[in-house]
Protein backbone atom coordinates (compact mmCIF):
# COMPACT_ATOMS: atom_id res chain seq x y z
CA MET A 1 32.43 -15.06 16.87
CA LYS A 2 30.73 -13.29 19.72
CA HIS A 3 27.01 -12.77 20.00
CA LEU A 4 26.66 -9.01 20.48
CA HIS A 5 23.05 -8.59 21.58
CA PRO A 6 21.58 -9.83 24.86
CA ASN A 7 19.96 -13.23 24.52
CA ARG A 8 16.28 -12.62 23.83
CA ARG A 9 15.09 -15.50 25.97
CA ARG A 10 17.09 -14.24 28.98
CA PHE A 11 15.80 -10.71 28.39
CA LEU A 12 12.23 -11.94 28.40
CA ALA A 13 12.93 -13.95 31.53
CA GLY A 14 14.14 -10.77 33.23
CA THR A 15 11.03 -8.81 32.31
CA SER A 16 8.81 -11.62 33.55
CA ALA A 17 9.39 -10.43 37.12
CA LEU A 18 6.47 -8.13 36.45
CA LEU A 19 4.15 -11.15 36.47
CA ALA A 20 2.28 -12.26 39.55
CA ALA A 21 4.23 -14.83 41.57
CA PRO A 22 1.84 -17.84 41.16
CA ALA A 23 1.70 -17.33 37.39
CA LEU A 24 5.46 -17.01 37.26
CA LEU A 25 5.90 -20.24 39.21
CA ARG A 26 3.54 -22.13 36.91
CA ALA A 27 5.30 -20.79 33.80
CA THR A 28 8.72 -21.60 35.23
CA ARG A 29 7.65 -25.14 36.12
CA ALA A 30 6.24 -25.75 32.61
CA TYR A 31 9.36 -24.27 31.05
CA ALA A 32 11.57 -26.54 33.14
CA GLN A 33 9.62 -29.57 31.99
CA MET A 34 10.18 -28.88 28.30
CA PRO A 35 11.81 -25.67 27.07
CA LYS A 36 10.71 -24.50 23.64
CA LEU A 37 12.78 -23.66 20.60
CA ARG A 38 11.07 -21.70 17.83
CA VAL A 39 11.92 -22.20 14.17
CA GLY A 40 10.76 -19.62 11.63
CA HIS A 41 10.07 -20.74 8.06
CA VAL A 42 9.60 -18.52 4.99
CA SER A 43 8.62 -19.61 1.49
CA PRO A 44 6.52 -18.30 -1.45
CA ARG A 45 3.11 -19.86 -0.78
CA THR A 46 1.43 -17.45 -3.21
CA GLY A 47 2.44 -15.46 -6.29
CA PRO A 48 4.38 -16.52 -9.39
CA LEU A 49 6.83 -18.67 -7.39
CA ALA A 50 4.11 -20.65 -5.59
CA GLY A 51 5.14 -23.85 -7.38
CA PHE A 52 8.17 -23.96 -5.11
CA ALA A 53 5.90 -24.13 -2.05
CA GLU A 54 3.28 -26.50 -3.44
CA ALA A 55 4.38 -29.27 -1.06
CA ASP A 56 4.89 -27.05 2.01
CA ASP A 57 1.73 -28.04 3.86
CA HIS A 58 2.44 -31.74 3.42
CA VAL A 59 6.10 -31.48 4.46
CA LEU A 60 5.45 -29.17 7.42
CA GLN A 61 2.67 -31.41 8.73
CA ALA A 62 4.94 -34.46 8.59
CA ILE A 63 7.83 -32.59 10.22
CA THR A 64 5.59 -31.18 12.96
CA GLU A 65 4.37 -34.70 13.74
CA ARG A 66 7.96 -35.94 13.78
CA PHE A 67 9.00 -33.17 16.18
CA ALA A 68 5.93 -33.63 18.41
CA GLY A 69 7.85 -35.48 21.11
CA GLY A 70 10.60 -32.88 21.17
CA ILE A 71 14.31 -33.15 20.34
CA SER A 72 16.93 -34.19 22.87
CA ASN A 73 19.86 -31.89 23.55
CA ASN A 74 22.42 -32.45 26.31
CA GLY A 75 20.05 -34.70 28.26
CA LYS A 76 17.10 -32.30 28.02
CA THR A 77 14.14 -32.56 25.65
CA TRP A 78 13.20 -29.38 23.79
CA ALA A 79 9.80 -28.73 22.27
CA VAL A 80 10.13 -27.40 18.72
CA GLU A 81 7.56 -24.97 17.32
CA ILE A 82 7.58 -24.17 13.58
CA ILE A 83 6.11 -20.81 12.53
CA SER A 84 5.66 -20.55 8.77
CA LYS A 85 5.03 -17.38 6.78
CA ASP A 86 4.37 -16.59 3.12
CA SER A 87 6.80 -14.36 1.21
CA GLN A 88 4.13 -13.91 -1.51
CA SER A 89 6.96 -14.30 -4.09
CA ASN A 90 8.02 -10.76 -3.19
CA PRO A 91 11.50 -9.88 -1.83
CA ASN A 92 10.18 -6.96 0.21
CA ARG A 93 7.49 -9.13 1.76
CA ALA A 94 10.07 -11.83 2.48
CA ALA A 95 12.14 -9.31 4.43
CA GLU A 96 9.06 -8.12 6.31
CA VAL A 97 7.92 -11.55 7.43
CA ALA A 98 11.49 -12.53 8.34
CA ALA A 99 11.78 -9.44 10.54
CA ASP A 100 8.40 -10.29 12.05
CA LEU A 101 9.52 -13.84 12.86
CA ILE A 102 12.72 -12.57 14.43
CA LEU A 103 11.46 -9.56 16.37
CA ARG A 104 7.86 -10.51 17.22
CA ASP A 105 7.87 -14.31 17.29
CA GLU A 106 11.38 -14.45 18.78
CA VAL A 107 12.46 -17.42 16.65
CA ASP A 108 15.75 -19.06 17.60
CA ILE A 109 16.49 -20.36 14.10
CA ILE A 110 15.07 -19.20 10.78
CA VAL A 111 14.94 -21.25 7.57
CA ALA A 112 13.88 -20.27 4.06
CA ALA A 113 13.73 -21.72 0.57
CA SER A 114 12.93 -21.00 -3.05
CA THR A 115 14.90 -18.58 -5.25
CA PRO A 116 16.88 -15.46 -4.31
CA ASP A 117 13.62 -13.52 -4.04
CA THR A 118 12.91 -15.30 -0.75
CA VAL A 119 16.24 -16.69 0.39
CA ASN A 120 18.32 -13.50 0.14
CA PRO A 121 16.09 -11.03 2.04
CA VAL A 122 15.43 -13.60 4.78
CA SER A 123 19.16 -14.29 5.12
CA ASP A 124 19.92 -10.57 5.23
CA GLN A 125 17.41 -10.05 8.05
CA ALA A 126 18.91 -12.98 9.94
CA GLU A 127 22.44 -11.64 9.50
CA ILE A 128 21.48 -8.13 10.65
CA ASN A 129 19.60 -9.45 13.69
CA GLU A 130 22.17 -12.16 14.53
CA VAL A 131 19.79 -15.10 14.24
CA PRO A 132 21.04 -18.48 12.94
CA CYS A 133 19.70 -19.10 9.43
CA ILE A 134 19.68 -22.08 7.06
CA THR A 135 18.46 -21.77 3.47
CA THR A 136 18.17 -23.81 0.25
CA ASP A 137 16.51 -23.91 -3.22
CA CYS A 138 18.65 -21.16 -4.77
CA PRO A 139 21.90 -21.53 -6.76
CA TRP A 140 24.74 -20.55 -4.49
CA GLN A 141 26.10 -17.69 -6.62
CA PRO A 142 22.99 -15.48 -6.53
CA TYR A 143 22.66 -16.34 -2.82
CA PHE A 144 26.27 -15.51 -1.95
CA PHE A 145 27.35 -12.82 -4.39
CA GLY A 146 23.82 -11.41 -4.63
CA ARG A 147 24.14 -10.55 -0.94
CA GLY A 148 27.57 -8.97 -1.38
CA GLY A 149 29.39 -11.99 0.00
CA ASN A 150 33.19 -11.99 0.20
CA PRO A 151 34.63 -15.51 -0.27
CA ALA A 152 37.47 -14.79 2.13
CA GLN A 153 35.12 -13.57 4.85
CA GLY A 154 31.70 -15.17 4.36
CA PHE A 155 28.79 -14.43 6.71
CA ASP A 156 28.39 -14.84 10.45
CA PHE A 157 24.88 -16.27 10.91
CA THR A 158 23.64 -17.45 7.52
CA TYR A 159 24.30 -20.83 5.84
CA HIS A 160 23.10 -22.28 2.54
CA PHE A 161 23.02 -25.66 0.80
CA PHE A 162 22.22 -26.17 -2.89
CA TRP A 163 24.01 -26.53 -6.22
CA GLY A 164 25.73 -23.81 -8.24
CA LEU A 165 25.63 -22.36 -11.73
CA GLU A 166 28.68 -24.43 -12.65
CA ASP A 167 26.65 -27.54 -11.89
CA VAL A 168 23.56 -26.55 -13.86
CA ILE A 169 25.67 -25.49 -16.84
CA GLY A 170 27.51 -28.82 -16.76
CA ALA A 171 24.22 -30.74 -16.56
CA PHE A 172 22.72 -28.77 -19.47
CA LEU A 173 25.81 -29.29 -21.65
CA ASP A 174 25.76 -33.00 -20.81
CA MET A 175 22.14 -33.18 -21.96
CA TRP A 176 22.55 -31.05 -25.10
CA GLY A 177 25.64 -32.95 -26.17
CA GLN A 178 23.49 -36.05 -26.64
CA THR A 179 21.19 -34.40 -29.19
CA GLY A 180 23.45 -33.59 -32.13
CA VAL A 181 21.69 -30.26 -32.73
CA ALA A 182 23.50 -27.12 -33.84
CA LYS A 183 25.37 -25.41 -31.01
CA VAL A 184 23.40 -22.19 -31.37
CA VAL A 185 21.62 -21.13 -28.18
CA GLY A 186 19.11 -18.41 -27.36
CA GLY A 187 19.21 -17.08 -23.79
CA LEU A 188 16.21 -15.84 -21.79
CA PHE A 189 17.33 -14.00 -18.66
CA PRO A 190 14.99 -11.79 -16.61
CA ASN A 191 16.07 -8.67 -14.80
CA ASP A 192 16.02 -10.29 -11.36
CA ALA A 193 18.60 -11.89 -9.07
CA ASP A 194 18.42 -15.28 -10.76
CA GLY A 195 18.40 -13.96 -14.32
CA ASN A 196 21.26 -11.55 -13.73
CA ALA A 197 23.33 -14.36 -12.21
CA TRP A 198 22.58 -16.89 -14.97
CA GLY A 199 23.32 -14.32 -17.69
CA ASP A 200 26.36 -12.76 -16.00
CA ALA A 201 29.27 -12.48 -18.44
CA GLU A 202 31.80 -13.73 -15.88
CA LEU A 203 29.93 -16.04 -13.48
CA GLY A 204 26.98 -17.18 -15.59
CA LEU A 205 26.36 -19.16 -18.79
CA PRO A 206 28.23 -17.13 -21.46
CA LYS A 207 31.82 -18.21 -20.76
CA PRO A 208 31.23 -21.96 -20.21
CA LEU A 209 28.95 -22.15 -23.25
CA ALA A 210 31.56 -20.42 -25.42
CA ALA A 211 34.27 -22.73 -24.09
CA ALA A 212 32.13 -25.72 -25.10
CA GLY A 213 31.69 -24.35 -28.63
CA TYR A 214 28.19 -22.92 -28.26
CA ALA A 215 27.19 -19.54 -29.71
CA LEU A 216 24.87 -17.71 -27.30
CA THR A 217 22.42 -15.08 -28.47
CA ASP A 218 21.44 -12.94 -25.47
CA PRO A 219 18.94 -10.19 -26.39
CA GLY A 220 19.33 -8.58 -22.94
CA ARG A 221 17.36 -8.65 -19.71
CA TYR A 222 13.59 -8.58 -19.87
CA GLN A 223 11.28 -7.45 -17.08
CA PRO A 224 9.60 -10.28 -15.11
CA LEU A 225 5.91 -10.78 -15.98
CA SER A 226 6.56 -9.43 -19.48
CA ASP A 227 3.70 -9.84 -21.96
CA ASP A 228 5.78 -9.63 -25.17
CA PHE A 229 8.77 -11.75 -26.19
CA SER A 230 8.65 -10.81 -29.88
CA ASN A 231 12.09 -9.18 -29.84
CA GLN A 232 13.70 -12.23 -28.25
CA ILE A 233 11.97 -14.61 -30.66
CA ALA A 234 13.02 -12.52 -33.66
CA ALA A 235 16.64 -12.51 -32.46
CA PHE A 236 16.62 -16.29 -31.93
CA LYS A 237 15.13 -16.92 -35.38
CA ALA A 238 17.68 -14.62 -37.03
CA ALA A 239 20.55 -16.44 -35.29
CA GLY A 240 19.22 -19.89 -36.18
CA CYS A 241 18.95 -20.96 -32.53
CA GLU A 242 18.12 -24.65 -32.14
CA ILE A 243 18.41 -24.53 -28.34
CA VAL A 244 16.70 -22.12 -25.94
CA THR A 245 17.82 -21.85 -22.34
CA GLY A 246 17.64 -19.47 -19.40
CA ASN A 247 15.91 -18.98 -16.09
CA MET A 248 12.28 -17.87 -15.96
CA ILE A 249 9.26 -17.82 -13.70
CA PRO A 250 6.39 -20.03 -14.95
CA PRO A 251 4.10 -17.20 -16.23
CA ASP A 252 6.93 -15.76 -18.34
CA PHE A 253 7.78 -19.09 -19.91
CA ALA A 254 4.11 -19.76 -20.71
CA THR A 255 3.93 -16.38 -22.50
CA PHE A 256 7.17 -16.97 -24.41
CA TRP A 257 6.25 -20.51 -25.44
CA ALA A 258 2.80 -19.51 -26.71
CA GLN A 259 4.26 -16.60 -28.70
CA ALA A 260 7.03 -18.82 -30.11
CA ALA A 261 4.34 -21.07 -31.59
CA GLN A 262 2.39 -18.11 -32.93
CA GLN A 263 5.51 -16.64 -34.57
CA GLY A 264 6.78 -19.89 -36.08
CA PHE A 265 9.82 -20.40 -33.86
CA ALA A 266 10.39 -24.10 -33.23
CA PRO A 267 13.67 -24.88 -31.41
CA LYS A 268 14.68 -28.52 -31.07
CA VAL A 269 15.70 -28.28 -27.40
CA VAL A 270 14.19 -26.02 -24.71
CA THR A 271 15.91 -26.21 -21.32
CA ILE A 272 14.72 -23.62 -18.80
CA GLY A 273 15.62 -23.35 -15.14
CA LYS A 274 12.96 -22.65 -12.50
CA ALA A 275 9.85 -22.48 -14.74
CA LEU A 276 10.00 -26.09 -15.92
CA LEU A 277 10.64 -27.74 -12.56
CA PHE A 278 7.05 -28.44 -11.65
CA PRO A 279 4.51 -30.95 -13.02
CA SER A 280 1.70 -28.43 -12.53
CA VAL A 281 3.41 -26.04 -14.96
CA ILE A 282 4.06 -28.76 -17.55
CA GLU A 283 0.47 -29.99 -17.33
CA SER A 284 -0.81 -26.44 -17.87
CA LEU A 285 1.07 -26.32 -21.20
CA GLY A 286 -0.77 -29.39 -22.52
CA ALA A 287 0.85 -31.16 -25.47
CA ARG A 288 3.46 -28.40 -25.75
CA GLY A 289 4.86 -29.45 -22.38
CA ASN A 290 6.12 -32.71 -23.83
CA GLY A 291 9.90 -32.75 -24.35
CA LEU A 292 10.75 -29.62 -22.35
CA SER A 293 13.77 -30.02 -20.08
CA SER A 294 15.31 -28.60 -16.92
CA GLU A 295 17.70 -29.29 -14.09
CA VAL A 296 16.74 -32.00 -11.59
CA TRP A 297 17.70 -31.30 -7.98
CA TRP A 298 15.82 -34.21 -6.45
CA SER A 299 13.63 -37.09 -7.62
CA PRO A 300 12.25 -40.43 -6.41
CA SER A 301 15.29 -42.03 -8.10
CA HIS A 302 17.83 -40.20 -5.95
CA PRO A 303 19.75 -42.78 -3.85
CA PHE A 304 19.38 -40.98 -0.53
CA ALA A 305 17.20 -41.46 2.55
CA SER A 306 15.94 -39.19 5.32
CA SER A 307 18.07 -38.96 8.45
CA LEU A 308 14.86 -38.20 10.37
CA THR A 309 12.61 -41.04 9.24
CA GLY A 310 14.76 -43.43 7.23
CA ALA A 311 12.36 -43.00 4.29
CA THR A 312 13.90 -43.33 0.84
CA SER A 313 13.48 -40.63 -1.78
CA LYS A 314 10.90 -42.81 -3.53
CA ALA A 315 8.97 -43.35 -0.30
CA LEU A 316 8.90 -39.60 0.41
CA ALA A 317 7.65 -38.85 -3.11
CA ASP A 318 5.08 -41.65 -3.05
CA GLY A 319 3.84 -40.50 0.36
CA TYR A 320 3.23 -37.01 -0.99
CA SER A 321 1.31 -38.34 -3.99
CA ALA A 322 -0.76 -40.69 -1.86
CA ALA A 323 -1.69 -37.91 0.58
CA THR A 324 -2.41 -35.19 -1.98
CA GLY A 325 -3.34 -36.97 -5.20
CA ARG A 326 -0.72 -34.87 -7.00
CA PRO A 327 2.53 -35.91 -8.70
CA TRP A 328 5.79 -35.52 -6.81
CA THR A 329 7.62 -32.23 -7.15
CA GLN A 330 11.30 -31.45 -6.65
CA PRO A 331 11.10 -29.09 -3.64
CA ILE A 332 9.66 -31.90 -1.47
CA GLY A 333 13.15 -33.27 -0.90
CA PHE A 334 14.79 -29.96 -0.09
CA LYS A 335 12.01 -28.76 2.23
CA HIS A 336 12.33 -32.05 4.12
CA ALA A 337 16.13 -31.73 4.15
CA LEU A 338 15.93 -28.24 5.69
CA PHE A 339 14.35 -29.74 8.77
CA GLU A 340 16.71 -32.70 8.77
CA VAL A 341 19.51 -30.18 9.19
CA VAL A 342 17.55 -28.24 11.82
CA ALA A 343 16.98 -31.41 13.87
CA ASP A 344 20.63 -32.38 13.59
CA VAL A 345 21.76 -28.91 14.71
CA ILE A 346 19.33 -28.83 17.65
CA GLY A 347 20.62 -32.18 18.81
CA ARG A 348 24.28 -31.14 18.66
CA ALA A 349 24.35 -27.49 19.77
CA ALA A 350 26.31 -26.91 22.97
CA ASP A 351 23.79 -24.33 24.25
CA LEU A 352 20.42 -23.79 22.58
CA GLU A 353 20.01 -20.50 24.44
CA ASP A 354 23.08 -19.04 22.71
CA ALA A 355 22.84 -18.05 19.04
CA ALA A 356 26.61 -18.36 18.63
CA ALA A 357 26.50 -21.97 19.83
CA ILE A 358 23.72 -22.76 17.35
CA VAL A 359 25.76 -21.17 14.56
CA SER A 360 28.78 -23.25 15.57
CA ALA A 361 26.65 -26.39 15.32
CA ILE A 362 25.41 -25.38 11.86
CA ALA A 363 28.97 -24.77 10.66
CA ALA A 364 30.03 -28.19 11.98
CA THR A 365 27.22 -30.06 10.17
CA ASN A 366 28.37 -33.19 8.35
CA MET A 367 25.43 -35.43 7.45
CA THR A 368 23.65 -37.16 4.59
CA THR A 369 20.11 -35.97 3.98
CA ILE A 370 17.43 -37.06 1.55
CA VAL A 371 18.98 -34.68 -1.03
CA GLY A 372 22.56 -35.80 -0.41
CA PRO A 373 25.48 -34.71 1.79
CA VAL A 374 25.39 -31.43 3.73
CA ASN A 375 28.83 -30.44 4.99
CA TRP A 376 29.77 -26.77 5.26
CA ALA A 377 33.43 -27.61 5.79
CA VAL A 378 33.91 -28.38 2.09
CA GLY A 379 32.83 -25.09 0.48
CA PRO A 380 32.96 -23.96 -2.37
CA VAL A 381 32.98 -20.75 -0.29
CA LYS A 382 32.31 -20.05 3.36
CA ASN A 383 28.70 -20.60 4.44
CA VAL A 384 27.89 -22.65 1.31
CA THR A 385 27.85 -26.38 0.62
CA LYS A 386 26.72 -28.06 -2.58
CA THR A 387 24.22 -30.83 -3.33
CA PRO A 388 24.25 -33.06 -6.45
CA LEU A 389 22.50 -32.06 -9.68
CA VAL A 390 21.44 -33.89 -12.84
CA ALA A 391 19.26 -32.95 -15.82
CA GLY A 392 15.91 -34.25 -17.01
CA GLN A 393 13.22 -34.08 -19.64
CA TRP A 394 9.44 -34.15 -19.35
CA GLN A 395 8.06 -37.04 -21.38
CA ARG A 396 4.41 -37.97 -21.76
CA GLU A 397 3.40 -41.36 -20.44
CA GLY A 398 -0.26 -42.06 -21.12
CA ASN A 399 -2.25 -39.17 -19.71
CA ARG A 400 0.52 -37.72 -17.55
CA PHE A 401 4.05 -36.35 -17.80
CA ASP A 402 7.06 -37.89 -16.09
CA LEU A 403 10.38 -36.14 -15.49
CA LYS A 404 13.03 -38.53 -16.82
CA ILE A 405 16.64 -38.15 -15.72
CA VAL A 406 18.54 -38.10 -19.03
CA ALA A 407 21.97 -36.68 -18.08
CA ASN A 408 24.02 -37.67 -15.04
CA SER A 409 27.68 -37.65 -16.06
CA ALA A 410 28.71 -35.51 -13.07
CA GLN A 411 26.61 -37.58 -10.63
CA PRO A 412 26.58 -41.19 -11.88
CA GLU A 413 25.27 -42.43 -8.52
CA ILE A 414 21.90 -40.90 -9.51
CA PRO A 415 20.54 -43.33 -12.14
CA LEU A 416 19.30 -42.40 -15.60
CA THR A 417 15.59 -43.10 -16.08
CA GLY A 418 15.18 -42.12 -19.75
CA ALA A 419 16.87 -40.96 -22.97
CA MET A 420 16.86 -37.40 -24.33
CA GLN A 421 14.42 -36.73 -27.17
CA LEU A 422 14.19 -33.77 -29.55
CA LEU A 423 11.07 -31.58 -29.51
C-alpha cells in the first residue's frame, strides 16, 4: 500500500518557511525535543446514543494522564494529544467532526466508538482521506458490509475490533435455551444500520433462529424515535410470542415497554441489544427494568487486564464507580482498549510521520487488552478482529440493579455470576 497524498506534517513544515527565523528556530527546537502525534476521537456524547459515551470523560482523563510523559518510538519520545469530538448520535455530524479532525486538526490517527451511526461515517472519512483509523463498539457486519466492504479486498486505512452478529445470536440462544419458554420470538428492528443488519434475512437473526427451532415474527422496520408500537405489540400477541428480541435505542425501548404494559403484552423473556446495555437506562425503567436481558461485551468479571496500566477489569470498573459515584457500564472497557491499541501501535510503528507505516503497525497488532485479544491477522474478514461475548440479565439487588452474566457457553473463561430468571 502506498500513501498517495503528501504527508501533512512535511507539508506544514515546508510552509513554515514563511515564519520569522527566530520563531522558526524556537519551534524547531521544541519539536526536536518532543514531536507530537495527534489522535482524534469521536463518540456520541449527546443524543439518544449518549449512554455509550457516559464514561468518556473518565476514560479520556485517565488515558491523558497515562500519556502525559509521551510514548517511546524508535528511541524518541512522542507527545500524544487527544482531541475528542461529539457525534451528537447523528451520522452526518459524525462525518463532519471526523473531517474536521482530519483536515483542520491534522490528526495522525483517528478512533471512534459506539454503533454504526458513529463508527461508519468516521471510518469512511478516514478511508477517503487516508488517515489510519481504529474503531470499536459496533458489530462487525454493519461496520464492514454497511460500508460496502468486500471480504476479499477489505479497506486500506480502517480497522475494527468487536464481536459479530453470529456471536450475539449464539449468546442469546444460549440464554433462552435455559428458560424452557416457547420458541416463539417477536423481533424489533429499526430502520437504521444496526436494525437492518440484525433483521437481515441472510446475515441477521432470521436464519440462525429458524435453524434452532425458533419462530420469528418480524413486523417490519420501524422508524427510530417512533412513538407508537401498537402494530408490533398486536402482531406479537397474535403470534403468542414469549420472547422479544431486537436492537433498539433506549428511547424506543422505553416507549415499547410502556405500551406493552398498557396493552397487556407480557413476554417471559425480553432480550434487546443496545438499549439494555446501560444501568442508567435500566434504572429509568424502575421495577420494570428487573429481569431484562442483553449481550455483555465487558464486565468487572472479565478475566483480562489493561496492557497500559495492569489494572484488572474489576479494578477499572471500581475506579470508575469510585470517581463518579455511578455504576460501571460496558463501554468503559472498550474505550480504554481503544487507547491500549493506539499506544501499542505508536510504540511499534516504523515511522510515525508516514500513515502507511502506522497502518502497517495496526494490521500487525497482536495483543491482549482489557476486553480480550486484538489480532487483525485472524479475521473473520480483512480489517476486522473479534472480541469475546456473553449474555446477561439485570437483576435487582436491594436498591440497585446488577447485570449478571447468565450465559457463557461460547466463552467459558468469562465466569457466570447469576442464573437466568423469567420476567
